[in-house]
Each structure stands twice: as structure tokens, then as C-alpha cells.
Amino acid sequence: MTTDVCETPFPPAIYGRELDEVERTIAEVIERIFRDEDGMIRSGVYGKTMQALKADEVEDRPHGIGTFVENAAMPRELKPVWLNYENAGQASGKYLRALLQKHAATRDPATLALARRTFAAIQLLWKNAAEQNPYGRGWIPKPYAGIRSVAEMFECSVDQYADITLALESFHHQAATADEKLAIKEMVASFADWWIERNYTAGYMGQTCYWRQLGRAHAIGFFLYLHALAYSWYPQKKYKEGFDLWLDSSRALVFPYACVNGYGLAVECMERLLKLRPDLKGFWLEASETNVEHMLRLSEQPYNYPKSKIRMQLKAFVAHHLGAAHRLLPAKGYDARMRELLAAYNKRADFYHLSRGLRLDELDERVTGNDYRNCFFAEGHICWLDAYWTMKERQG
């Protein structure tokens, strides 16, 4: 069975009895457990030690054999410990937005300082990739060795770009200095250029992803958003053409295939598209409602990823995505659902990547190895934090 394996005094076994107490614990956990020395947010740590997983702690997955990244384009020695930074881009992007939500509600200067440190780490990842990696300017790899050394990192996913871009735009509007605003515009334009030049194709877990052909909701939503945002800052023909190209595929947003996070990301992108392209308001709202319903239905299934028999703790993810859904569709009562979902979290065991209390013999072998099984996950904490402060801001 999967159990809470923590052997350290922190984080506490019980995070709190009330939401406010849970929030204070989560804020401390993110900074003490997941923030690395360069300011990036690790996606996971080893639940036993609450530190980055080490290769010698993964005896059952030598060289990454048997993991999801067995064939990934990254150094072999990093494959057993891939979850340390697999979702670092997503975690850091989501965290930057959560901090901005908290700052909007509290006006706390220390919170703004944490947000600026997170932005600086994302910017350094972008700079290092442009300088070190042959994929060049605009490439945002998954930084499996941390953001200082990305020359041999050739894996990425659309959701990493999406969470980072959403965060950069939020920071630009809410907190950036004049110099930071210029840097953000340059970063976003470089993302759009990179994907246009490569016909929206990139590698992930050793496979080539032809995103134009896959018809995934989060990819269509993100590329529409990316091009609309780039065009709003740099009204160039290539960004308009990129938007129009993806608009041709946009019916897949209404009848998509995705995971919980994929549906939610599509909704978040459409919230931004409502402002960038209000002429398509009816479609954004229709697609958002459909994607939210897909997300809620899938989140109630026994396995969140049925083909891999993975059951993750996703209530916090759903609550996070429902923030955008509620702003778009306030009459649907999604805010009440957010509070209900957040109340389901009050202890350390709730924040493992793989749910606790599962029989290992009923799971895909790729999630039963020590690279995955006992990963203590940053994004659940961050999604919870963002949803909490979204509610607090609206109540204020």
C-alpha cells in the first residue's frame, strides 16, 4: 500500500484544522521544502527525507529503466530522479501566480519579494537555455539538473510553456518594473517564434509530439493564447497567422481529449483570450463550460489517467482551475465547489503525487518504483494556495 513515509519533523503530519491555518503551513512548506538554491520551485522531493531524491535511493529503477522517462532525451544519470524537476516550470509558474493572488489580497511586501524571486528564476532558465542549449532562444526545457545546467535537456511539454506564459503575463500586469515588462515581452515573443519555426513540434518522454495533429485542448488553448498575447505586444503578421492557424482547430476545445490539468489549462487560457480577443467571446465561454464539465467528470473517476492506472491527488488542481472557471461563468457556482475541494486537504499525506492508501499490485508498474511512488509533490500545495487566495481576493 502507498503510505505516508515521512521521517522528518517538518512538514507536520497535520497542516491545520481551518483553511487559514492550512494556508500558513503550505506557504512555509513551499519555501522550505520545494524552493531550490536558484529560486526555482522543484516539482517534487522524496517523501521520506523531504529533500531532492538521490539516484542511490532509487535502487529499483537503475538508469531510469522502467520509468516514464526511460527513453527521454536527457542525461541517463538524471532519469531515476526525474520528478525532482519534471514539473518545475509548471510549479514555478503556478506559484508566481499564487503569490500575485496573495499579494493582491494582502499587499504584503514580503510576498511580492517572493514573487519577484520566482520570476527571476524563470527568466534565468530562459536565458540559460538560449545560451547553453542548441535548441536556442525561446526553448524552455524541463531543467532536470536545475536551471544552471540545461545544455543537455531536450524534453518539454506544452503545459510547462502555458503555466510560465500565464504567470509572465500576470506579473507583467500586476507587479513588474519597466525593465521586467520589456523582458517579459521579449520572452513571450521568443516562445511564439520558437514554436512557429518548428511547426509546433517538440519531444516529450522520448516521443515526438506533433501538437498540430494531436487535437489536445490545452495545446490548442495555449497556442491561441500565446499568439494573441504576442500579437498584442508585437502586432506582426506571423503572430496573426499563427492565431488563425490554431483557430481552425479550435472546435477541439469544445470536444477535447485531455487530462484534468489539460482541461483546466485550456480554461485558464480562454480566460485570457476573452480579454485579448473579445470578438470571440461566445466561443470562449462555450468552450470553457464544456472543458470544465469534462474536468469535473474526469476528476471523479477511479483513475485520473486510466491508461496508466494513476490515481493522483487532484482536488487542489481542480480547485485552482475553477478559479478561472468561476470568473468566466460566475452563475455556475464553481466558487462553492472550490471551497469544498480545499477543505479536503488538511494533512501531509494529502500532498503526495500518488494518492496514499493504494494497493501497488493494482497500479501501472511505472508508478510503483521509488522514483514515483513516494514523491511529495509541489503542485498540489501551490494549486491549493492559489485557489485559497483567489477566494480570499473575491471575498475581500
Protein backbone atom coordinates (compact mmCIF):
# COMPACT_ATOMS: atom_id res chain seq x y z
CA MET A 1 0.00 0.00 0.00
CA THR A 2 1.06 3.60 -0.50
CA THR A 3 1.54 5.28 2.88
CA ASP A 4 2.90 8.47 4.37
CA VAL A 5 6.62 7.62 4.59
CA CYS A 6 7.91 10.91 6.02
CA GLU A 7 10.61 10.54 8.69
CA THR A 8 11.31 14.25 9.28
CA PRO A 9 9.75 16.63 11.83
CA PHE A 10 8.74 19.05 9.08
CA PRO A 11 6.29 19.25 7.37
CA PRO A 12 3.87 18.46 10.20
CA ALA A 13 1.55 15.49 9.85
CA ILE A 14 -1.46 17.79 10.32
CA TYR A 15 -1.39 21.06 8.40
CA GLY A 16 -4.28 22.66 10.26
CA ARG A 17 -7.90 22.43 11.30
CA GLU A 18 -9.11 25.54 9.47
CA LEU A 19 -8.28 26.79 5.98
CA ASP A 20 -6.31 29.78 7.28
CA GLU A 21 -4.05 27.50 9.32
CA VAL A 22 -3.56 25.14 6.39
CA GLU A 23 -2.58 28.13 4.23
CA ARG A 24 0.13 29.22 6.65
CA THR A 25 1.60 25.71 6.72
CA ILE A 26 1.52 25.36 2.94
CA ALA A 27 3.24 28.71 2.44
CA GLU A 28 6.06 27.57 4.73
CA VAL A 29 6.30 24.11 3.13
CA ILE A 30 6.75 25.55 -0.37
CA GLU A 31 9.59 27.82 0.66
CA ARG A 32 11.36 25.38 2.99
CA ILE A 33 10.89 22.14 1.05
CA PHE A 34 10.50 22.97 -2.63
CA ARG A 35 12.39 26.23 -3.30
CA ASP A 36 15.90 25.41 -4.55
CA GLU A 37 19.06 27.49 -4.19
CA ASP A 38 18.45 29.25 -7.52
CA GLY A 39 14.92 30.27 -6.67
CA MET A 40 13.20 27.66 -8.87
CA ILE A 41 10.44 25.52 -7.40
CA ARG A 42 11.18 21.80 -7.53
CA SER A 43 8.26 19.73 -8.67
CA GLY A 44 8.85 17.02 -6.10
CA VAL A 45 11.02 15.68 -3.29
CA TYR A 46 11.43 12.26 -1.70
CA GLY A 47 8.69 11.93 0.89
CA LYS A 48 10.91 10.01 3.29
CA THR A 49 13.61 12.70 3.60
CA MET A 50 11.74 15.75 2.26
CA GLN A 51 14.77 16.51 0.10
CA ALA A 52 15.52 16.11 -3.58
CA LEU A 53 15.56 12.43 -4.49
CA LYS A 54 19.03 10.92 -4.99
CA ALA A 55 19.90 8.21 -7.51
CA ASP A 56 21.02 5.75 -4.82
CA GLU A 57 17.53 5.98 -3.29
CA VAL A 58 16.06 4.54 -6.50
CA GLU A 59 17.52 1.03 -6.43
CA ASP A 60 14.59 -0.46 -8.37
CA ARG A 61 14.93 1.90 -11.36
CA PRO A 62 18.64 1.92 -12.41
CA HIS A 63 19.36 4.37 -15.24
CA GLY A 64 15.65 5.16 -15.39
CA ILE A 65 14.71 1.75 -16.76
CA GLY A 66 11.03 1.17 -16.15
CA THR A 67 10.19 4.85 -15.62
CA PHE A 68 8.15 7.19 -17.81
CA VAL A 69 11.39 8.86 -18.93
CA GLU A 70 13.29 5.70 -19.86
CA ASN A 71 13.64 6.94 -23.47
CA ALA A 72 13.69 10.66 -22.73
CA ALA A 73 16.30 12.96 -24.29
CA MET A 74 18.20 13.82 -21.12
CA PRO A 75 21.36 12.57 -19.36
CA ARG A 76 20.98 8.97 -18.21
CA GLU A 77 22.12 9.69 -14.66
CA LEU A 78 19.17 12.06 -14.15
CA LYS A 79 16.47 9.64 -15.26
CA PRO A 80 15.99 7.92 -11.87
CA VAL A 81 15.45 11.33 -10.21
CA TRP A 82 13.38 12.96 -12.94
CA LEU A 83 10.47 14.00 -10.72
CA ASN A 84 12.69 16.42 -8.78
CA TYR A 85 12.33 18.87 -11.68
CA GLU A 86 9.89 17.28 -14.14
CA ASN A 87 7.22 19.91 -13.47
CA ALA A 88 9.47 22.70 -12.23
CA GLY A 89 8.26 25.06 -14.96
CA GLN A 90 4.63 24.40 -14.13
CA ALA A 91 5.25 24.60 -10.39
CA SER A 92 7.18 27.87 -10.63
CA GLY A 93 4.63 29.42 -12.99
CA LYS A 94 1.67 28.42 -10.85
CA TYR A 95 3.48 29.60 -7.72
CA LEU A 96 4.23 33.01 -9.22
CA ARG A 97 0.54 33.46 -9.95
CA ALA A 98 -0.45 32.23 -6.48
CA LEU A 99 1.91 34.77 -4.90
CA LEU A 100 0.41 37.51 -7.04
CA GLN A 101 -3.06 36.47 -5.88
CA LYS A 102 -1.87 36.58 -2.27
CA HIS A 103 -0.24 39.97 -2.74
CA ALA A 104 -3.41 41.35 -4.32
CA ALA A 105 -5.32 40.31 -1.19
CA THR A 106 -2.74 41.27 1.44
CA ARG A 107 -0.42 43.90 -0.12
CA ASP A 108 2.34 42.19 1.83
CA PRO A 109 5.79 43.30 0.55
CA ALA A 110 7.42 40.00 1.56
CA THR A 111 5.00 38.14 -0.69
CA LEU A 112 5.88 40.44 -3.58
CA ALA A 113 9.58 39.78 -2.93
CA LEU A 114 8.96 36.02 -3.21
CA ALA A 115 7.09 36.60 -6.46
CA ARG A 116 9.98 38.63 -7.87
CA ARG A 117 12.46 35.91 -6.88
CA THR A 118 10.32 33.32 -8.68
CA PHE A 119 10.16 35.49 -11.81
CA ALA A 120 13.95 35.90 -11.72
CA ALA A 121 14.41 32.11 -11.64
CA ILE A 122 12.11 31.61 -14.63
CA GLN A 123 13.95 34.36 -16.50
CA LEU A 124 17.31 32.73 -15.71
CA LEU A 125 16.06 29.38 -17.04
CA TRP A 126 15.08 31.13 -20.30
CA LYS A 127 18.46 32.91 -20.56
CA ASN A 128 20.48 29.79 -19.79
CA ALA A 129 18.56 27.74 -22.34
CA ALA A 130 19.22 30.35 -25.03
CA GLU A 131 22.93 30.45 -24.23
CA GLN A 132 23.64 26.78 -23.44
CA ASN A 133 21.19 24.65 -25.40
CA PRO A 134 21.40 24.08 -29.17
CA TYR A 135 17.61 24.45 -29.40
CA GLY A 136 18.25 28.14 -28.83
CA ARG A 137 16.30 31.22 -27.90
CA GLY A 138 12.72 30.57 -26.82
CA TRP A 139 13.36 26.97 -25.75
CA ILE A 140 12.18 26.20 -22.21
CA PRO A 141 13.41 22.71 -21.34
CA LYS A 142 12.48 20.74 -18.28
CA PRO A 143 15.52 21.55 -16.10
CA TYR A 144 16.26 18.07 -14.75
CA ALA A 145 19.64 19.18 -13.33
CA GLY A 146 18.37 22.57 -12.17
CA ILE A 147 18.35 25.83 -14.11
CA ARG A 148 22.13 26.34 -14.15
CA SER A 149 22.83 23.38 -16.42
CA VAL A 150 20.36 22.90 -19.29
CA ALA A 151 22.65 22.21 -22.25
CA GLU A 152 21.61 18.54 -22.50
CA MET A 153 17.92 18.95 -21.71
CA PHE A 154 15.72 18.28 -24.75
CA GLU A 155 12.40 17.47 -23.12
CA CYS A 156 9.45 19.77 -22.62
CA SER A 157 5.66 19.87 -22.66
CA VAL A 158 3.05 22.41 -23.65
CA ASP A 159 1.74 22.73 -20.10
CA GLN A 160 5.14 23.98 -18.93
CA TYR A 161 5.05 26.76 -21.51
CA ALA A 162 1.42 27.51 -20.67
CA ASP A 163 1.90 27.89 -16.91
CA ILE A 164 5.01 30.01 -17.41
CA THR A 165 3.35 32.27 -20.00
CA LEU A 166 0.24 32.75 -17.87
CA ALA A 167 2.49 33.70 -14.96
CA LEU A 168 4.62 36.09 -17.01
CA GLU A 169 1.58 37.97 -18.26
CA SER A 170 0.17 38.19 -14.73
CA PHE A 171 3.46 39.50 -13.37
CA HIS A 172 3.68 41.99 -16.26
CA HIS A 173 0.28 43.46 -15.43
CA GLN A 174 0.43 43.32 -11.65
CA ALA A 175 3.94 43.82 -10.36
CA ALA A 176 6.69 44.16 -12.99
CA THR A 177 9.05 47.11 -13.25
CA ALA A 178 9.58 48.80 -16.61
CA ASP A 179 12.66 46.66 -17.28
CA GLU A 180 10.86 43.48 -16.24
CA LYS A 181 7.96 44.31 -18.57
CA LEU A 182 10.33 44.62 -21.51
CA ALA A 183 11.97 41.30 -20.59
CA ILE A 184 8.59 39.57 -20.33
CA LYS A 185 7.52 40.78 -23.76
CA GLU A 186 10.80 39.53 -25.21
CA MET A 187 10.40 36.14 -23.53
CA VAL A 188 6.83 35.63 -24.74
CA ALA A 189 7.69 36.64 -28.31
CA SER A 190 10.61 34.21 -28.26
CA PHE A 191 8.25 31.40 -27.20
CA ALA A 192 5.94 32.13 -30.12
CA ASP A 193 8.86 32.37 -32.55
CA TRP A 194 10.34 29.08 -31.34
CA TRP A 195 7.11 27.14 -31.86
CA ILE A 196 6.33 28.75 -35.21
CA GLU A 197 9.80 27.95 -36.53
CA ARG A 198 9.41 24.29 -35.52
CA ASN A 199 5.86 23.83 -36.77
CA TYR A 200 4.63 23.26 -33.20
CA THR A 201 6.64 20.09 -32.76
CA ALA A 202 8.78 19.07 -29.78
CA GLY A 203 9.94 15.99 -27.90
CA TYR A 204 8.42 14.69 -24.68
CA MET A 205 9.39 11.49 -22.86
CA GLY A 206 11.27 10.26 -25.89
CA GLN A 207 8.38 10.80 -28.29
CA THR A 208 7.90 13.45 -30.94
CA CYS A 209 4.75 15.44 -30.23
CA TYR A 210 3.15 16.94 -33.33
CA TRP A 211 0.86 19.28 -31.43
CA ARG A 212 -0.97 20.47 -34.54
CA GLN A 213 -2.16 16.91 -35.17
CA LEU A 214 -2.91 15.81 -31.61
CA GLY A 215 -6.03 17.90 -31.01
CA ARG A 216 -5.47 18.35 -27.28
CA ALA A 217 -7.45 21.09 -25.55
CA HIS A 218 -4.55 22.55 -23.58
CA ALA A 219 -2.32 22.79 -26.67
CA ILE A 220 -4.98 24.48 -28.78
CA GLY A 221 -5.90 26.84 -25.95
CA PHE A 222 -2.28 27.68 -25.23
CA PHE A 223 -1.18 28.36 -28.80
CA LEU A 224 -4.21 30.57 -29.42
CA TYR A 225 -3.39 32.46 -26.23
CA LEU A 226 0.34 32.65 -26.95
CA HIS A 227 -0.16 34.13 -30.42
CA ALA A 228 -2.86 36.54 -29.28
CA LEU A 229 -0.63 37.76 -26.45
CA ALA A 230 2.45 38.10 -28.65
CA TYR A 231 0.39 39.99 -31.25
CA SER A 232 -0.96 42.37 -28.57
CA TRP A 233 2.61 43.41 -27.82
CA TYR A 234 4.17 42.98 -31.27
CA PRO A 235 1.44 43.23 -33.97
CA GLN A 236 3.30 41.21 -36.56
CA LYS A 237 1.83 39.14 -39.38
CA LYS A 238 3.33 35.85 -38.16
CA TYR A 239 1.50 36.04 -34.83
CA LYS A 240 -1.82 36.81 -36.51
CA GLU A 241 -1.28 33.92 -38.91
CA GLY A 242 -0.37 31.65 -36.01
CA PHE A 243 -3.57 32.57 -34.19
CA ASP A 244 -5.67 31.97 -37.31
CA LEU A 245 -3.98 28.61 -37.89
CA TRP A 246 -4.91 27.38 -34.43
CA LEU A 247 -8.36 28.91 -34.61
CA ASP A 248 -9.06 26.46 -37.44
CA SER A 249 -8.51 23.64 -34.92
CA SER A 250 -10.37 25.29 -32.08
CA ARG A 251 -13.50 23.14 -32.25
CA ALA A 252 -11.43 20.56 -30.38
CA LEU A 253 -11.65 22.91 -27.41
CA VAL A 254 -15.33 22.09 -27.19
CA PHE A 255 -14.91 18.33 -27.70
CA PRO A 256 -11.39 17.75 -26.40
CA TYR A 257 -9.28 14.89 -25.24
CA ALA A 258 -7.14 15.81 -22.26
CA CYS A 259 -6.30 15.08 -18.64
CA VAL A 260 -7.67 17.09 -15.71
CA ASN A 261 -4.84 19.60 -15.88
CA GLY A 262 -5.20 19.82 -19.67
CA TYR A 263 -8.87 20.76 -19.49
CA GLY A 264 -8.12 23.27 -16.74
CA LEU A 265 -5.25 24.91 -18.61
CA ALA A 266 -7.48 25.35 -21.65
CA VAL A 267 -9.98 27.23 -19.48
CA GLU A 268 -7.26 29.43 -18.00
CA CYS A 269 -6.03 30.32 -21.48
CA MET A 270 -9.56 31.12 -22.62
CA GLU A 271 -9.99 33.47 -19.68
CA ARG A 272 -7.05 35.48 -21.05
CA LEU A 273 -8.35 35.13 -24.63
CA LEU A 274 -11.63 36.71 -23.56
CA LYS A 275 -9.67 39.93 -22.98
CA LEU A 276 -7.27 39.58 -25.88
CA ARG A 277 -9.93 38.59 -28.44
CA PRO A 278 -13.32 39.68 -27.07
CA ASP A 279 -14.80 39.37 -30.57
CA LEU A 280 -14.90 35.59 -29.97
CA LYS A 281 -16.47 35.85 -26.50
CA GLY A 282 -19.30 33.44 -27.22
CA PHE A 283 -16.98 30.69 -28.30
CA TRP A 284 -14.58 31.15 -25.37
CA LEU A 285 -17.46 30.85 -22.91
CA GLU A 286 -18.97 27.83 -24.66
CA ALA A 287 -15.63 26.05 -24.79
CA SER A 288 -14.83 26.94 -21.18
CA GLU A 289 -18.06 25.49 -19.85
CA THR A 290 -17.56 22.26 -21.80
CA ASN A 291 -13.96 21.86 -20.64
CA VAL A 292 -14.87 22.49 -17.00
CA GLU A 293 -17.51 19.79 -17.14
CA HIS A 294 -15.02 17.37 -18.70
CA MET A 295 -12.54 18.22 -15.95
CA LEU A 296 -15.03 17.72 -13.13
CA ARG A 297 -16.29 14.44 -14.54
CA LEU A 298 -12.77 13.03 -15.01
CA SER A 299 -11.69 14.12 -11.54
CA GLU A 300 -14.36 11.86 -10.04
CA GLN A 301 -13.18 8.73 -11.88
CA PRO A 302 -11.28 5.96 -10.01
CA TYR A 303 -8.15 6.67 -12.05
CA ASN A 304 -7.32 10.17 -13.27
CA TYR A 305 -5.15 8.71 -16.03
CA PRO A 306 -6.99 5.46 -16.87
CA LYS A 307 -4.46 4.07 -19.36
CA SER A 308 -1.67 4.24 -16.78
CA LYS A 309 -3.82 3.47 -13.73
CA ILE A 310 -2.52 6.56 -11.96
CA ARG A 311 -4.60 7.99 -9.14
CA MET A 312 -3.20 11.35 -8.19
CA GLN A 313 -4.31 13.88 -5.60
CA LEU A 314 -6.06 16.27 -7.98
CA LYS A 315 -8.68 18.05 -5.87
CA ALA A 316 -6.32 21.01 -5.42
CA PHE A 317 -5.65 21.14 -9.17
CA VAL A 318 -9.38 21.23 -9.84
CA ALA A 319 -9.88 23.99 -7.25
CA HIS A 320 -7.09 26.02 -8.88
CA HIS A 321 -8.64 25.72 -12.35
CA LEU A 322 -12.11 26.50 -11.02
CA GLY A 323 -10.86 29.98 -10.11
CA ALA A 324 -10.69 30.87 -13.80
CA ALA A 325 -13.94 28.99 -14.46
CA HIS A 326 -15.77 30.99 -11.80
CA ARG A 327 -14.54 34.30 -13.18
CA LEU A 328 -15.74 33.29 -16.64
CA LEU A 329 -19.02 31.66 -15.56
CA PRO A 330 -19.98 33.17 -12.19
CA ALA A 331 -23.52 31.77 -12.22
CA LYS A 332 -22.33 28.15 -12.21
CA GLY A 333 -21.46 28.01 -8.51
CA TYR A 334 -17.86 26.92 -9.07
CA ASP A 335 -16.70 29.06 -6.14
CA ALA A 336 -18.62 26.87 -3.69
CA ARG A 337 -17.03 23.80 -5.26
CA MET A 338 -13.59 25.37 -4.78
CA ARG A 339 -14.13 25.73 -1.06
CA GLU A 340 -15.41 22.16 -0.80
CA LEU A 341 -12.31 20.84 -2.58
CA LEU A 342 -9.89 22.86 -0.46
CA ALA A 343 -11.49 21.56 2.72
CA ALA A 344 -10.47 18.03 1.67
CA TYR A 345 -6.81 18.89 2.43
CA ASN A 346 -5.54 19.23 5.97
CA LYS A 347 -2.63 16.81 6.39
CA ARG A 348 0.75 15.93 4.92
CA ALA A 349 -0.46 12.65 3.43
CA ASP A 350 -2.85 14.57 1.18
CA PHE A 351 0.03 16.08 -0.81
CA TYR A 352 1.85 13.07 -2.25
CA HIS A 353 1.86 12.88 -6.04
CA LEU A 354 0.30 9.43 -5.92
CA SER A 355 -2.63 9.08 -3.53
CA ARG A 356 -1.97 7.27 -0.25
CA GLY A 357 -3.81 4.04 0.56
CA LEU A 358 -3.49 2.45 -2.88
CA ARG A 359 -2.58 -1.19 -3.49
CA LEU A 360 0.61 -1.33 -5.53
CA ASP A 361 -0.39 -4.50 -7.35
CA GLU A 362 -3.33 -2.62 -8.87
CA LEU A 363 -1.18 0.14 -10.36
CA ASP A 364 0.87 0.55 -13.50
CA GLU A 365 4.42 -0.67 -12.81
CA ARG A 366 5.81 2.71 -13.87
CA VAL A 367 4.33 4.40 -10.81
CA THR A 368 5.31 1.77 -8.23
CA GLY A 369 9.05 2.44 -8.41
CA ASN A 370 10.74 4.67 -5.87
CA ASP A 371 11.27 7.37 -8.48
CA TYR A 372 7.49 7.95 -8.44
CA ARG A 373 5.73 6.12 -5.63
CA ASN A 374 6.71 8.37 -2.71
CA CYS A 375 7.13 11.69 -4.49
CA PHE A 376 5.94 14.55 -2.28
CA PHE A 377 4.53 16.99 -4.80
CA ALA A 378 4.85 20.77 -5.03
CA GLU A 379 1.98 21.47 -7.40
CA GLY A 380 -0.74 20.23 -5.08
CA HIS A 381 0.47 22.70 -2.46
CA ILE A 382 0.70 25.52 -4.99
CA CYS A 383 -2.71 24.87 -6.56
CA TRP A 384 -4.27 24.85 -3.10
CA LEU A 385 -2.55 28.15 -2.26
CA ASP A 386 -3.69 29.81 -5.49
CA ALA A 387 -7.30 28.70 -5.07
CA TYR A 388 -7.33 29.86 -1.44
CA TRP A 389 -6.14 33.36 -2.30
CA THR A 390 -8.44 33.54 -5.31
CA MET A 391 -11.34 33.02 -2.92
CA LYS A 392 -9.96 35.49 -0.36
CA GLU A 393 -9.48 38.17 -3.00
CA ARG A 394 -13.07 37.81 -4.22
CA GLN A 395 -14.41 37.83 -0.66
CA GLY A 396 -12.42 40.99 0.07
